């Protein structure tokens, strides 16, 4: 079972969109996929359902109960979340940091994709502690590079504290206007400092992507030849190559 977190402590960088799309692509290729939404905002969950049953809610982990994965598509299951998860965030006792890792030991999937909140608190720590790999989406904001350094430091601290060999699968620029001068500056800086980690694929910004996500479908299902569909297929190819 390969466990991949999609993480960045900054919101609005496309974490949920990337988790949703790569999860769907793994499932379409025949892998048995578990999507885990450990963000109280529940954005990944809302791609599949407006009313999440308690038995499928990740908050149960913090009550000492294993949730039941909800089948949402062929080969794809979801452990979802909603705002009720947030009340557990301040309960930072040691056992709570290992809730997700212990739960996943009871599951049998090929791929687990974990969508994390925009913070480096309890829930993101749960994801990091159990993950084999981390995908880091970045936008073109001024905060992007400084936030990236903070996230890298956090991953190193988790590795040191747990002895787990967590690998950064890659950094991907998301929701990008490739014609902007700022994009070129950011990309050059990333290429200089993180060349081996940077995915070649850049995900362009598009209102069509948001529309597809709002209808619970991938952009590839809605517009197979759209530039964003092409970009996601390329990203998935790069992910598969790095996993090999």
C-alpha atoms as a PDB file:
ATOM      1  CA  UNK A   1       0.000   0.000   0.000  1.00  0.00           C
ATOM      2  CA  UNK A   2       1.481   3.320  -1.127  1.00  0.00           C
ATOM      3  CA  UNK A   3       0.384   6.345   0.906  1.00  0.00           C
ATOM      4  CA  UNK A   4       0.673   9.821  -0.611  1.00  0.00           C
ATOM      5  CA  UNK A   5      -0.157  13.084   1.152  1.00  0.00           C
ATOM      6  CA  UNK A   6      -0.990  16.199  -0.845  1.00  0.00           C
ATOM      7  CA  UNK A   7       0.151  18.970   1.452  1.00  0.00           C
ATOM      8  CA  UNK A   8       0.884  22.665   1.796  1.00  0.00           C
ATOM      9  CA  UNK A   9       0.133  24.832   4.823  1.00  0.00           C
ATOM     10  CA  UNK A  10      -1.160  27.538   2.484  1.00  0.00           C
ATOM     11  CA  UNK A  11      -4.750  27.351   1.335  1.00  0.00           C
ATOM     12  CA  UNK A  12      -5.928  27.825  -2.228  1.00  0.00           C
ATOM     13  CA  UNK A  13      -3.009  26.073  -3.920  1.00  0.00           C
ATOM     14  CA  UNK A  14      -5.002  23.232  -5.489  1.00  0.00           C
ATOM     15  CA  UNK A  15      -4.416  20.424  -2.959  1.00  0.00           C
ATOM     16  CA  UNK A  16      -7.945  19.038  -3.187  1.00  0.00           C
ATOM     17  CA  UNK A  17      -8.067  19.299  -6.966  1.00  0.00           C
ATOM     18  CA  UNK A  18      -4.801  17.396  -7.317  1.00  0.00           C
ATOM     19  CA  UNK A  19      -5.818  14.739  -4.761  1.00  0.00           C
ATOM     20  CA  UNK A  20      -9.157  14.260  -6.540  1.00  0.00           C
ATOM     21  CA  UNK A  21      -7.638  13.948 -10.010  1.00  0.00           C
ATOM     22  CA  UNK A  22      -4.720  11.675  -9.237  1.00  0.00           C
ATOM     23  CA  UNK A  23      -6.981   9.472  -7.105  1.00  0.00           C
ATOM     24  CA  UNK A  24      -9.348   9.096 -10.039  1.00  0.00           C
ATOM     25  CA  UNK A  25      -6.490   8.325 -12.427  1.00  0.00           C
ATOM     26  CA  UNK A  26      -5.057   5.617 -10.180  1.00  0.00           C
ATOM     27  CA  UNK A  27      -8.547   4.096  -9.896  1.00  0.00           C
ATOM     28  CA  UNK A  28      -9.077   4.256 -13.663  1.00  0.00           C
ATOM     29  CA  UNK A  29      -5.816   2.325 -14.079  1.00  0.00           C
ATOM     30  CA  UNK A  30      -7.176  -0.467 -11.911  1.00  0.00           C
ATOM     31  CA  UNK A  31      -5.627   0.404  -8.528  1.00  0.00           C
ATOM     32  CA  UNK A  32      -7.814   0.081  -5.459  1.00  0.00           C
ATOM     33  CA  UNK A  33      -7.768   3.624  -4.089  1.00  0.00           C
ATOM     34  CA  UNK A  34      -8.654   5.111  -0.711  1.00  0.00           C
ATOM     35  CA  UNK A  35      -9.122   8.873  -0.566  1.00  0.00           C
ATOM     36  CA  UNK A  36      -8.704  10.312   2.930  1.00  0.00           C
ATOM     37  CA  UNK A  37      -9.992  13.812   3.654  1.00  0.00           C
ATOM     38  CA  UNK A  38      -8.378  14.981   6.905  1.00  0.00           C
ATOM     39  CA  UNK A  39      -9.262  18.642   6.364  1.00  0.00           C
ATOM     40  CA  UNK A  40     -12.202  19.973   8.434  1.00  0.00           C
ATOM     41  CA  UNK A  41     -13.222  22.081   5.430  1.00  0.00           C
ATOM     42  CA  UNK A  42     -14.215  18.781   3.773  1.00  0.00           C
ATOM     43  CA  UNK A  43     -13.594  20.007   0.219  1.00  0.00           C
ATOM     44  CA  UNK A  44     -12.562  16.596  -1.110  1.00  0.00           C
ATOM     45  CA  UNK A  45     -15.580  15.013   0.551  1.00  0.00           C
ATOM     46  CA  UNK A  46     -17.903  17.547  -1.090  1.00  0.00           C
ATOM     47  CA  UNK A  47     -16.747  16.324  -4.512  1.00  0.00           C
ATOM     48  CA  UNK A  48     -18.659  13.116  -3.779  1.00  0.00           C
ATOM     49  CA  UNK A  49     -21.432  13.857  -1.291  1.00  0.00           C
ATOM     50  CA  UNK A  50     -23.219  16.731   0.418  1.00  0.00           C
ATOM     51  CA  UNK A  51     -24.218  14.615   3.428  1.00  0.00           C
ATOM     52  CA  UNK A  52     -21.477  12.460   4.908  1.00  0.00           C
ATOM     53  CA  UNK A  53     -22.636   9.711   7.256  1.00  0.00           C
ATOM     54  CA  UNK A  54     -20.951   9.544  10.638  1.00  0.00           C
ATOM     55  CA  UNK A  55     -19.774   5.994   9.956  1.00  0.00           C
ATOM     56  CA  UNK A  56     -17.662   7.300   7.021  1.00  0.00           C
ATOM     57  CA  UNK A  57     -16.305  10.336   8.893  1.00  0.00           C
ATOM     58  CA  UNK A  58     -12.631  10.515   9.835  1.00  0.00           C
ATOM     59  CA  UNK A  59     -13.557  12.255  13.091  1.00  0.00           C
ATOM     60  CA  UNK A  60     -14.345   8.782  14.460  1.00  0.00           C
ATOM     61  CA  UNK A  61     -10.608   8.097  14.625  1.00  0.00           C
ATOM     62  CA  UNK A  62     -10.287  10.729  17.338  1.00  0.00           C
ATOM     63  CA  UNK A  63     -13.082   9.008  19.269  1.00  0.00           C
ATOM     64  CA  UNK A  64     -11.223   5.681  19.137  1.00  0.00           C
ATOM     65  CA  UNK A  65     -13.438   4.196  16.388  1.00  0.00           C
ATOM     66  CA  UNK A  66     -12.431   3.148  12.884  1.00  0.00           C
ATOM     67  CA  UNK A  67     -14.593   4.749  10.159  1.00  0.00           C
ATOM     68  CA  UNK A  68     -15.989   2.683   7.308  1.00  0.00           C
ATOM     69  CA  UNK A  69     -14.627   3.672   3.862  1.00  0.00           C
ATOM     70  CA  UNK A  70     -17.456   4.746   1.579  1.00  0.00           C
ATOM     71  CA  UNK A  71     -17.413   3.391  -1.981  1.00  0.00           C
ATOM     72  CA  UNK A  72     -17.693   6.411  -4.277  1.00  0.00           C
ATOM     73  CA  UNK A  73     -16.654   4.954  -7.630  1.00  0.00           C
ATOM     74  CA  UNK A  74     -15.364   1.746  -9.111  1.00  0.00           C
ATOM     75  CA  UNK A  75     -12.056   0.994  -7.332  1.00  0.00           C
ATOM     76  CA  UNK A  76     -12.346   4.170  -5.234  1.00  0.00           C
ATOM     77  CA  UNK A  77     -13.345   4.649  -1.590  1.00  0.00           C
ATOM     78  CA  UNK A  78     -13.526   7.697   0.676  1.00  0.00           C
ATOM     79  CA  UNK A  79     -13.040   8.405   4.348  1.00  0.00           C
ATOM     80  CA  UNK A  80     -14.449  11.904   4.475  1.00  0.00           C
ATOM     81  CA  UNK A  81     -14.625  14.845   6.839  1.00  0.00           C
ATOM     82  CA  UNK A  82     -16.665  17.884   7.733  1.00  0.00           C
ATOM     83  CA  UNK A  83     -16.399  20.850  10.080  1.00  0.00           C
ATOM     84  CA  UNK A  84     -17.092  18.641  13.123  1.00  0.00           C
ATOM     85  CA  UNK A  85     -13.524  17.318  12.774  1.00  0.00           C
ATOM     86  CA  UNK A  86     -12.136  20.696  13.852  1.00  0.00           C
ATOM     87  CA  UNK A  87     -13.087  20.236  17.520  1.00  0.00           C
ATOM     88  CA  UNK A  88     -10.371  17.578  17.875  1.00  0.00           C
ATOM     89  CA  UNK A  89      -7.532  19.724  16.535  1.00  0.00           C
ATOM     90  CA  UNK A  90      -6.532  21.133  19.928  1.00  0.00           C
ATOM     91  CA  UNK A  91      -6.338  17.675  21.539  1.00  0.00           C
ATOM     92  CA  UNK A  92      -2.618  17.200  20.948  1.00  0.00           C
ATOM     93  CA  UNK A  93      -1.994  14.176  23.145  1.00  0.00           C
ATOM     94  CA  UNK A  94       0.603  11.812  21.683  1.00  0.00           C
ATOM     95  CA  UNK A  95      -1.825   9.042  20.742  1.00  0.00           C
ATOM     96  CA  UNK A  96      -3.805  11.422  18.524  1.00  0.00           C
ATOM     97  CA  UNK A  97      -0.840  11.932  16.184  1.00  0.00           C
ATOM     98  CA  UNK A  98      -0.897   8.244  15.221  1.00  0.00           C
ATOM     99  CA  UNK A  99      -4.649   7.769  14.703  1.00  0.00           C
ATOM    100  CA  UNK A 100      -4.503   7.729  10.907  1.00  0.00           C
ATOM    101  CA  UNK A 101      -1.377   5.533  10.758  1.00  0.00           C
ATOM    102  CA  UNK A 102      -2.990   2.944  13.039  1.00  0.00           C
ATOM    103  CA  UNK A 103      -6.230   2.995  11.050  1.00  0.00           C
ATOM    104  CA  UNK A 104      -4.483   2.460   7.716  1.00  0.00           C
ATOM    105  CA  UNK A 105      -2.742  -0.622   9.099  1.00  0.00           C
ATOM    106  CA  UNK A 106      -6.211  -2.219   9.174  1.00  0.00           C
ATOM    107  CA  UNK A 107      -6.980  -1.386   5.518  1.00  0.00           C
ATOM    108  CA  UNK A 108      -6.130  -3.110   2.245  1.00  0.00           C
ATOM    109  CA  UNK A 109      -5.751  -0.688  -0.647  1.00  0.00           C
ATOM    110  CA  UNK A 110      -3.159  -0.219  -3.369  1.00  0.00           C
ATOM    111  CA  UNK A 111      -3.029   3.569  -3.104  1.00  0.00           C
ATOM    112  CA  UNK A 112      -4.024   5.991  -0.346  1.00  0.00           C
ATOM    113  CA  UNK A 113      -4.296   9.691  -1.235  1.00  0.00           C
ATOM    114  CA  UNK A 114      -4.554  12.042   1.769  1.00  0.00           C
ATOM    115  CA  UNK A 115      -5.866  15.592   1.359  1.00  0.00           C
ATOM    116  CA  UNK A 116      -4.527  17.732   4.212  1.00  0.00           C
ATOM    117  CA  UNK A 117      -5.639  21.058   5.727  1.00  0.00           C
ATOM    118  CA  UNK A 118      -3.807  24.365   5.176  1.00  0.00           C
ATOM    119  CA  UNK A 119      -1.868  24.114   8.435  1.00  0.00           C
ATOM    120  CA  UNK A 120       0.932  22.109  10.021  1.00  0.00           C
ATOM    121  CA  UNK A 121      -1.094  20.998  13.044  1.00  0.00           C
ATOM    122  CA  UNK A 122      -2.467  17.692  14.319  1.00  0.00           C
ATOM    123  CA  UNK A 123      -4.230  16.597  11.141  1.00  0.00           C
ATOM    124  CA  UNK A 124      -1.361  17.281   8.756  1.00  0.00           C
ATOM    125  CA  UNK A 125       0.993  15.593  11.236  1.00  0.00           C
ATOM    126  CA  UNK A 126      -1.236  12.497  11.145  1.00  0.00           C
ATOM    127  CA  UNK A 127      -0.918  12.457   7.371  1.00  0.00           C
ATOM    128  CA  UNK A 128       2.859  12.929   7.403  1.00  0.00           C
ATOM    129  CA  UNK A 129       3.451  10.254  10.026  1.00  0.00           C
ATOM    130  CA  UNK A 130       1.782   7.591   7.894  1.00  0.00           C
ATOM    131  CA  UNK A 131       2.811   8.770   4.399  1.00  0.00           C
ATOM    132  CA  UNK A 132       5.440   7.245   2.162  1.00  0.00           C
ATOM    133  CA  UNK A 133       5.413  10.268  -0.150  1.00  0.00           C
ATOM    134  CA  UNK A 134       4.321  13.903  -0.176  1.00  0.00           C
ATOM    135  CA  UNK A 135       3.193  15.901  -3.206  1.00  0.00           C
ATOM    136  CA  UNK A 136       3.535  19.646  -2.646  1.00  0.00           C
ATOM    137  CA  UNK A 137       1.326  21.949  -4.760  1.00  0.00           C
ATOM    138  CA  UNK A 138       2.435  25.563  -5.073  1.00  0.00           C
ATOM    139  CA  UNK A 139       0.729  28.636  -6.434  1.00  0.00           C
ATOM    140  CA  UNK A 140       2.393  31.843  -7.593  1.00  0.00           C
ATOM    141  CA  UNK A 141       1.879  33.846  -4.439  1.00  0.00           C
ATOM    142  CA  UNK A 142       4.624  35.718  -2.602  1.00  0.00           C
ATOM    143  CA  UNK A 143       4.194  33.259   0.267  1.00  0.00           C
ATOM    144  CA  UNK A 144       4.829  30.196  -1.901  1.00  0.00           C
ATOM    145  CA  UNK A 145       8.584  29.865  -1.531  1.00  0.00           C
ATOM    146  CA  UNK A 146       8.828  30.756   2.168  1.00  0.00           C
ATOM    147  CA  UNK A 147       5.939  28.399   2.907  1.00  0.00           C
ATOM    148  CA  UNK A 148       7.709  25.673   0.972  1.00  0.00           C
ATOM    149  CA  UNK A 149      10.778  25.973   3.195  1.00  0.00           C
ATOM    150  CA  UNK A 150       8.576  25.709   6.320  1.00  0.00           C
ATOM    151  CA  UNK A 151       6.887  22.582   4.962  1.00  0.00           C
ATOM    152  CA  UNK A 152      10.227  20.975   4.115  1.00  0.00           C
ATOM    153  CA  UNK A 153      11.406  21.645   7.671  1.00  0.00           C
ATOM    154  CA  UNK A 154       8.237  20.105   9.086  1.00  0.00           C
ATOM    155  CA  UNK A 155       8.709  16.959   7.006  1.00  0.00           C
ATOM    156  CA  UNK A 156      12.286  16.657   8.273  1.00  0.00           C
ATOM    157  CA  UNK A 157      11.097  17.020  11.881  1.00  0.00           C
ATOM    158  CA  UNK A 158       8.539  14.227  11.389  1.00  0.00           C
ATOM    159  CA  UNK A 159      11.251  12.035   9.855  1.00  0.00           C
ATOM    160  CA  UNK A 160      13.587  12.689  12.767  1.00  0.00           C
ATOM    161  CA  UNK A 161      10.887  12.102  15.387  1.00  0.00           C
ATOM    162  CA  UNK A 162       9.434   8.919  13.882  1.00  0.00           C
ATOM    163  CA  UNK A 163      12.325   7.387  11.944  1.00  0.00           C
ATOM    164  CA  UNK A 164      10.074   7.129   8.872  1.00  0.00           C
ATOM    165  CA  UNK A 165      11.614   7.635   5.454  1.00  0.00           C
ATOM    166  CA  UNK A 166       9.089  10.106   4.042  1.00  0.00           C
ATOM    167  CA  UNK A 167      10.021  11.134   0.503  1.00  0.00           C
ATOM    168  CA  UNK A 168       8.909  14.235  -1.344  1.00  0.00           C
ATOM    169  CA  UNK A 169       7.458  12.800  -4.530  1.00  0.00           C
ATOM    170  CA  UNK A 170       7.485  16.196  -6.162  1.00  0.00           C
ATOM    171  CA  UNK A 171       6.608  19.880  -6.176  1.00  0.00           C
ATOM    172  CA  UNK A 172       3.968  20.923  -8.701  1.00  0.00           C
ATOM    173  CA  UNK A 173       2.999  24.442  -9.736  1.00  0.00           C
ATOM    174  CA  UNK A 174      -0.775  24.611  -9.800  1.00  0.00           C
ATOM    175  CA  UNK A 175      -3.387  27.069 -11.127  1.00  0.00           C
ATOM    176  CA  UNK A 176      -0.719  28.893 -13.093  1.00  0.00           C
ATOM    177  CA  UNK A 177      -0.914  31.621 -15.719  1.00  0.00           C
ATOM    178  CA  UNK A 178       2.197  30.659 -17.668  1.00  0.00           C
ATOM    179  CA  UNK A 179       2.290  33.997 -19.464  1.00  0.00           C
ATOM    180  CA  UNK A 180       2.864  35.990 -16.296  1.00  0.00           C
ATOM    181  CA  UNK A 181       6.355  37.301 -15.563  1.00  0.00           C
ATOM    182  CA  UNK A 182       5.976  36.255 -11.946  1.00  0.00           C
ATOM    183  CA  UNK A 183       5.483  32.628 -13.040  1.00  0.00           C
ATOM    184  CA  UNK A 184       8.861  32.684 -14.787  1.00  0.00           C
ATOM    185  CA  UNK A 185      10.579  34.139 -11.713  1.00  0.00           C
ATOM    186  CA  UNK A 186       9.072  31.545  -9.376  1.00  0.00           C
ATOM    187  CA  UNK A 187       9.802  28.688 -11.765  1.00  0.00           C
ATOM    188  CA  UNK A 188      13.432  29.742 -12.175  1.00  0.00           C
ATOM    189  CA  UNK A 189      13.873  29.953  -8.401  1.00  0.00           C
ATOM    190  CA  UNK A 190      12.304  26.524  -7.919  1.00  0.00           C
ATOM    191  CA  UNK A 191      14.417  25.062 -10.704  1.00  0.00           C
ATOM    192  CA  UNK A 192      17.549  26.468  -9.103  1.00  0.00           C
ATOM    193  CA  UNK A 193      16.794  25.316  -5.550  1.00  0.00           C
ATOM    194  CA  UNK A 194      14.613  22.218  -6.003  1.00  0.00           C
ATOM    195  CA  UNK A 195      15.357  20.964  -9.524  1.00  0.00           C
ATOM    196  CA  UNK A 196      15.294  17.253  -8.647  1.00  0.00           C
ATOM    197  CA  UNK A 197      11.971  17.605  -6.836  1.00  0.00           C
ATOM    198  CA  UNK A 198      10.134  19.843  -9.304  1.00  0.00           C
ATOM    199  CA  UNK A 199       7.649  18.164 -11.619  1.00  0.00           C
ATOM    200  CA  UNK A 200       8.052  19.210 -15.251  1.00  0.00           C
ATOM    201  CA  UNK A 201       4.283  19.460 -15.577  1.00  0.00           C
ATOM    202  CA  UNK A 202       2.600  22.752 -14.675  1.00  0.00           C
ATOM    203  CA  UNK A 203      -1.178  22.784 -14.067  1.00  0.00           C
ATOM    204  CA  UNK A 204      -2.689  25.828 -15.834  1.00  0.00           C
ATOM    205  CA  UNK A 205      -5.454  27.871 -14.253  1.00  0.00           C
ATOM    206  CA  UNK A 206      -8.891  27.401 -15.790  1.00  0.00           C
ATOM    207  CA  UNK A 207     -12.485  28.058 -14.775  1.00  0.00           C
ATOM    208  CA  UNK A 208     -13.358  24.776 -16.513  1.00  0.00           C
ATOM    209  CA  UNK A 209     -11.371  22.899 -13.885  1.00  0.00           C
ATOM    210  CA  UNK A 210     -13.415  24.421 -11.051  1.00  0.00           C
ATOM    211  CA  UNK A 211     -16.647  23.696 -12.919  1.00  0.00           C
ATOM    212  CA  UNK A 212     -15.709  20.047 -13.398  1.00  0.00           C
ATOM    213  CA  UNK A 213     -14.756  19.670  -9.733  1.00  0.00           C
ATOM    214  CA  UNK A 214     -18.034  21.285  -8.677  1.00  0.00           C
ATOM    215  CA  UNK A 215     -19.922  18.595 -10.576  1.00  0.00           C
ATOM    216  CA  UNK A 216     -17.874  15.810  -8.987  1.00  0.00           C
ATOM    217  CA  UNK A 217     -16.091  14.930 -12.223  1.00  0.00           C
ATOM    218  CA  UNK A 218     -12.506  15.196 -13.382  1.00  0.00           C
ATOM    219  CA  UNK A 219     -11.625  17.673 -16.102  1.00  0.00           C
ATOM    220  CA  UNK A 220     -10.618  14.647 -18.234  1.00  0.00           C
ATOM    221  CA  UNK A 221     -14.184  13.327 -18.044  1.00  0.00           C
ATOM    222  CA  UNK A 222     -15.680  16.675 -19.017  1.00  0.00           C
ATOM    223  CA  UNK A 223     -13.161  17.977 -21.567  1.00  0.00           C
ATOM    224  CA  UNK A 224     -10.658  15.227 -22.473  1.00  0.00           C
ATOM    225  CA  UNK A 225      -8.585  17.418 -24.809  1.00  0.00           C
ATOM    226  CA  UNK A 226      -8.529  20.556 -22.654  1.00  0.00           C
ATOM    227  CA  UNK A 227      -5.062  21.868 -21.757  1.00  0.00           C
ATOM    228  CA  UNK A 228      -5.680  21.075 -18.077  1.00  0.00           C
ATOM    229  CA  UNK A 229      -6.663  17.502 -18.965  1.00  0.00           C
ATOM    230  CA  UNK A 230      -3.437  17.145 -20.930  1.00  0.00           C
ATOM    231  CA  UNK A 231      -1.478  18.571 -17.978  1.00  0.00           C
ATOM    232  CA  UNK A 232      -3.043  16.163 -15.479  1.00  0.00           C
ATOM    233  CA  UNK A 233      -2.302  13.167 -17.667  1.00  0.00           C
ATOM    234  CA  UNK A 234       1.309  14.324 -17.899  1.00  0.00           C
ATOM    235  CA  UNK A 235       1.513  14.836 -14.145  1.00  0.00           C
ATOM    236  CA  UNK A 236       0.122  11.357 -13.537  1.00  0.00           C
ATOM    237  CA  UNK A 237       2.732   9.940 -15.911  1.00  0.00           C
ATOM    238  CA  UNK A 238       5.477  11.696 -13.954  1.00  0.00           C
ATOM    239  CA  UNK A 239       4.068  10.430 -10.661  1.00  0.00           C
ATOM    240  CA  UNK A 240       4.007   6.859 -11.953  1.00  0.00           C
ATOM    241  CA  UNK A 241       7.573   7.167 -13.208  1.00  0.00           C
ATOM    242  CA  UNK A 242       8.812   8.453  -9.824  1.00  0.00           C
ATOM    243  CA  UNK A 243       6.947   5.717  -7.942  1.00  0.00           C
ATOM    244  CA  UNK A 244       8.746   3.124 -10.051  1.00  0.00           C
END
